[in-house]
Amino acid sequence: MYRITVEESFCAAHRLRGYKGKCEKLHGHNWRVILGVVGDSVDSRGLIIDFSDLKKTLKKILGALDHEDLALVAPFDKINPSAENIARYVFERAAAAFASAKLRGLRVEMVSVWESEKSRADYYDSNRVTK
């Protein structure tokens, strides 16, 4: 089993509905996102996927969030734009992108989202995580 990860960042504002405290007010973060994928085998080049292709996928997903008020961007207009929900959003879109590209054996394992240097949320499909 092989695992690779890429990291990107984006800037966006959010507010947490139903939260009692300062995070209920509009504020911004420089979000940091790590996307991890796993595969059973490598291709003739020795890669499960080219890092640049994986980065392009992540950049495309984050492009919809960059420099936005996340509470105005679907699905965060209906669910809170928490780090946890952002991690799941990225995970599901990356998984769909790989499925539609028919990249055999490549699976999204996890996504980590930092809203600050010391605060991170992870999302993973427990059926897909390697031990």
C-alpha atoms as a PDB file:
ATOM      1  CA  MET A   1       0.000   0.000   0.000  1.00  0.00           C
ATOM      2  CA  TYR A   2       1.272   3.451  -0.933  1.00  0.00           C
ATOM      3  CA  ARG A   3       0.246   6.804   0.535  1.00  0.00           C
ATOM      4  CA  ILE A   4       0.991  10.284  -0.761  1.00  0.00           C
ATOM      5  CA  THR A   5      -0.180  13.679   0.423  1.00  0.00           C
ATOM      6  CA  VAL A   6      -0.234  17.200  -0.945  1.00  0.00           C
ATOM      7  CA  GLU A   7      -0.844  20.467   0.825  1.00  0.00           C
ATOM      8  CA  GLU A   8      -2.474  23.692  -0.331  1.00  0.00           C
ATOM      9  CA  SER A   9      -4.030  26.711   1.317  1.00  0.00           C
ATOM     10  CA  PHE A  10      -6.811  29.198   0.749  1.00  0.00           C
ATOM     11  CA  CYS A  11      -8.134  32.333   2.422  1.00  0.00           C
ATOM     12  CA  ALA A  12     -11.792  32.613   3.376  1.00  0.00           C
ATOM     13  CA  ALA A  13     -14.154  34.068   5.925  1.00  0.00           C
ATOM     14  CA  HIS A  14     -16.719  32.147   7.908  1.00  0.00           C
ATOM     15  CA  ARG A  15     -19.015  32.366  10.892  1.00  0.00           C
ATOM     16  CA  LEU A  16     -20.478  29.510  12.879  1.00  0.00           C
ATOM     17  CA  ARG A  17     -24.261  29.613  13.169  1.00  0.00           C
ATOM     18  CA  GLY A  18     -25.597  28.495  16.535  1.00  0.00           C
ATOM     19  CA  TYR A  19     -22.211  28.983  18.185  1.00  0.00           C
ATOM     20  CA  LYS A  20     -22.112  31.024  21.382  1.00  0.00           C
ATOM     21  CA  GLY A  21     -18.880  32.973  21.347  1.00  0.00           C
ATOM     22  CA  LYS A  22     -16.694  35.071  19.117  1.00  0.00           C
ATOM     23  CA  CYS A  23     -16.715  32.515  16.264  1.00  0.00           C
ATOM     24  CA  GLU A  24     -20.370  33.350  15.585  1.00  0.00           C
ATOM     25  CA  LYS A  25     -19.115  36.660  14.148  1.00  0.00           C
ATOM     26  CA  LEU A  26     -17.718  36.861  10.638  1.00  0.00           C
ATOM     27  CA  HIS A  27     -13.957  36.324  10.711  1.00  0.00           C
ATOM     28  CA  GLY A  28     -11.289  34.980   8.377  1.00  0.00           C
ATOM     29  CA  HIS A  29      -8.639  32.308   8.294  1.00  0.00           C
ATOM     30  CA  ASN A  30      -5.722  31.299   6.156  1.00  0.00           C
ATOM     31  CA  TRP A  31      -6.869  27.698   5.854  1.00  0.00           C
ATOM     32  CA  ARG A  32      -4.331  24.898   5.298  1.00  0.00           C
ATOM     33  CA  VAL A  33      -5.504  21.659   3.693  1.00  0.00           C
ATOM     34  CA  ILE A  34      -3.771  18.300   3.300  1.00  0.00           C
ATOM     35  CA  LEU A  35      -5.199  15.671   0.963  1.00  0.00           C
ATOM     36  CA  GLY A  36      -3.957  12.109   1.389  1.00  0.00           C
ATOM     37  CA  VAL A  37      -4.539   9.302  -1.084  1.00  0.00           C
ATOM     38  CA  VAL A  38      -3.610   5.640  -1.059  1.00  0.00           C
ATOM     39  CA  GLY A  39      -3.081   3.081  -3.769  1.00  0.00           C
ATOM     40  CA  ASP A  40      -2.196  -0.577  -3.993  1.00  0.00           C
ATOM     41  CA  SER A  41       0.311  -0.276  -6.807  1.00  0.00           C
ATOM     42  CA  VAL A  42       2.407   2.130  -8.821  1.00  0.00           C
ATOM     43  CA  ASP A  43       2.356   2.707 -12.563  1.00  0.00           C
ATOM     44  CA  SER A  44       5.263   2.177 -14.958  1.00  0.00           C
ATOM     45  CA  ARG A  45       6.780   5.455 -13.722  1.00  0.00           C
ATOM     46  CA  GLY A  46       6.698   4.259 -10.126  1.00  0.00           C
ATOM     47  CA  LEU A  47       3.825   6.592  -9.136  1.00  0.00           C
ATOM     48  CA  ILE A  48       0.340   6.023  -7.768  1.00  0.00           C
ATOM     49  CA  ILE A  49      -0.445   9.519  -9.124  1.00  0.00           C
ATOM     50  CA  ASP A  50       1.753  12.439 -10.083  1.00  0.00           C
ATOM     51  CA  PHE A  51       2.010  14.972  -7.227  1.00  0.00           C
ATOM     52  CA  SER A  52       1.211  17.777  -9.682  1.00  0.00           C
ATOM     53  CA  ASP A  53      -2.026  16.045 -10.761  1.00  0.00           C
ATOM     54  CA  LEU A  54      -3.048  15.576  -7.140  1.00  0.00           C
ATOM     55  CA  LYS A  55      -2.272  19.238  -6.408  1.00  0.00           C
ATOM     56  CA  LYS A  56      -4.349  20.345  -9.417  1.00  0.00           C
ATOM     57  CA  THR A  57      -7.320  18.398  -8.078  1.00  0.00           C
ATOM     58  CA  LEU A  58      -6.970  19.964  -4.632  1.00  0.00           C
ATOM     59  CA  LYS A  59      -6.475  23.479  -6.060  1.00  0.00           C
ATOM     60  CA  LYS A  60      -9.604  23.126  -8.175  1.00  0.00           C
ATOM     61  CA  ILE A  61     -11.675  22.099  -5.150  1.00  0.00           C
ATOM     62  CA  LEU A  62     -10.288  24.914  -2.998  1.00  0.00           C
ATOM     63  CA  GLY A  63     -10.753  27.444  -5.795  1.00  0.00           C
ATOM     64  CA  ALA A  64     -14.493  27.436  -5.097  1.00  0.00           C
ATOM     65  CA  LEU A  65     -13.771  28.486  -1.483  1.00  0.00           C
ATOM     66  CA  ASP A  66     -10.878  30.901  -1.890  1.00  0.00           C
ATOM     67  CA  HIS A  67     -11.587  34.517  -0.868  1.00  0.00           C
ATOM     68  CA  GLU A  68     -15.250  33.785  -0.161  1.00  0.00           C
ATOM     69  CA  ASP A  69     -17.608  34.173   2.752  1.00  0.00           C
ATOM     70  CA  LEU A  70     -18.117  30.437   3.184  1.00  0.00           C
ATOM     71  CA  ALA A  71     -21.603  30.904   4.650  1.00  0.00           C
ATOM     72  CA  LEU A  72     -22.672  32.032   1.167  1.00  0.00           C
ATOM     73  CA  VAL A  73     -21.149  29.067  -0.708  1.00  0.00           C
ATOM     74  CA  ALA A  74     -23.063  25.786  -1.089  1.00  0.00           C
ATOM     75  CA  PRO A  75     -23.238  23.564   0.890  1.00  0.00           C
ATOM     76  CA  PHE A  76     -22.124  25.914   3.668  1.00  0.00           C
ATOM     77  CA  ASP A  77     -25.155  28.097   3.108  1.00  0.00           C
ATOM     78  CA  LYS A  78     -27.072  25.215   4.762  1.00  0.00           C
ATOM     79  CA  ILE A  79     -24.442  23.610   7.020  1.00  0.00           C
ATOM     80  CA  ASN A  80     -21.880  25.337   9.195  1.00  0.00           C
ATOM     81  CA  PRO A  81     -18.577  26.095   7.492  1.00  0.00           C
ATOM     82  CA  SER A  82     -16.647  24.436  10.303  1.00  0.00           C
ATOM     83  CA  ALA A  83     -13.212  22.921   9.754  1.00  0.00           C
ATOM     84  CA  GLU A  84     -14.844  19.496  10.119  1.00  0.00           C
ATOM     85  CA  ASN A  85     -17.415  20.185   7.411  1.00  0.00           C
ATOM     86  CA  ILE A  86     -14.800  21.722   5.116  1.00  0.00           C
ATOM     87  CA  ALA A  87     -12.660  18.583   5.496  1.00  0.00           C
ATOM     88  CA  ARG A  88     -15.598  16.391   4.500  1.00  0.00           C
ATOM     89  CA  TYR A  89     -16.431  18.698   1.568  1.00  0.00           C
ATOM     90  CA  VAL A  90     -12.884  18.412   0.201  1.00  0.00           C
ATOM     91  CA  PHE A  91     -12.800  14.638   0.802  1.00  0.00           C
ATOM     92  CA  GLU A  92     -16.062  13.999  -1.046  1.00  0.00           C
ATOM     93  CA  ARG A  93     -15.125  16.177  -4.021  1.00  0.00           C
ATOM     94  CA  ALA A  94     -11.694  14.615  -4.333  1.00  0.00           C
ATOM     95  CA  ALA A  95     -13.184  11.107  -4.138  1.00  0.00           C
ATOM     96  CA  ALA A  96     -15.699  12.030  -6.866  1.00  0.00           C
ATOM     97  CA  ALA A  97     -12.947  13.491  -9.051  1.00  0.00           C
ATOM     98  CA  PHE A  98     -10.882  10.303  -8.825  1.00  0.00           C
ATOM     99  CA  ALA A  99     -13.915   8.090  -9.461  1.00  0.00           C
ATOM    100  CA  SER A 100     -14.873  10.060 -12.557  1.00  0.00           C
ATOM    101  CA  ALA A 101     -11.272   9.963 -13.802  1.00  0.00           C
ATOM    102  CA  LYS A 102     -11.352   6.188 -13.352  1.00  0.00           C
ATOM    103  CA  LEU A 103      -8.036   6.137 -11.522  1.00  0.00           C
ATOM    104  CA  ARG A 104      -7.988   2.466 -10.644  1.00  0.00           C
ATOM    105  CA  GLY A 105      -6.914   1.628  -7.142  1.00  0.00           C
ATOM    106  CA  LEU A 106      -6.531   5.259  -6.030  1.00  0.00           C
ATOM    107  CA  ARG A 107      -8.591   6.161  -2.959  1.00  0.00           C
ATOM    108  CA  VAL A 108      -8.881   9.279  -0.873  1.00  0.00           C
ATOM    109  CA  GLU A 109      -7.786   8.305   2.600  1.00  0.00           C
ATOM    110  CA  MET A 110      -8.048  11.526   4.558  1.00  0.00           C
ATOM    111  CA  VAL A 111      -8.266  15.291   4.503  1.00  0.00           C
ATOM    112  CA  SER A 112      -6.910  17.569   7.225  1.00  0.00           C
ATOM    113  CA  VAL A 113      -7.998  21.188   7.519  1.00  0.00           C
ATOM    114  CA  TRP A 114      -6.234  23.702   9.744  1.00  0.00           C
ATOM    115  CA  GLU A 115      -7.971  26.968  10.545  1.00  0.00           C
ATOM    116  CA  SER A 116      -4.941  28.068  12.551  1.00  0.00           C
ATOM    117  CA  GLU A 117      -1.479  26.759  13.331  1.00  0.00           C
ATOM    118  CA  LYS A 118      -2.821  24.918  16.361  1.00  0.00           C
ATOM    119  CA  SER A 119      -6.362  23.871  15.355  1.00  0.00           C
ATOM    120  CA  ARG A 120      -7.023  21.048  12.898  1.00  0.00           C
ATOM    121  CA  ALA A 121      -9.909  18.814  11.858  1.00  0.00           C
ATOM    122  CA  ASP A 122      -9.513  15.519   9.996  1.00  0.00           C
ATOM    123  CA  TYR A 123     -12.060  13.668   7.896  1.00  0.00           C
ATOM    124  CA  TYR A 124     -11.572  10.126   6.706  1.00  0.00           C
ATOM    125  CA  ASP A 125     -13.647   7.186   5.669  1.00  0.00           C
ATOM    126  CA  SER A 126     -12.962   4.569   8.319  1.00  0.00           C
ATOM    127  CA  ASN A 127     -13.557   1.837   5.735  1.00  0.00           C
ATOM    128  CA  ARG A 128     -10.695   3.210   3.646  1.00  0.00           C
ATOM    129  CA  VAL A 129      -8.077   4.037   6.243  1.00  0.00           C
ATOM    130  CA  THR A 130      -4.990   1.875   6.295  1.00  0.00           C
ATOM    131  CA  LYS A 131      -3.544   0.944   9.658  1.00  0.00           C
END
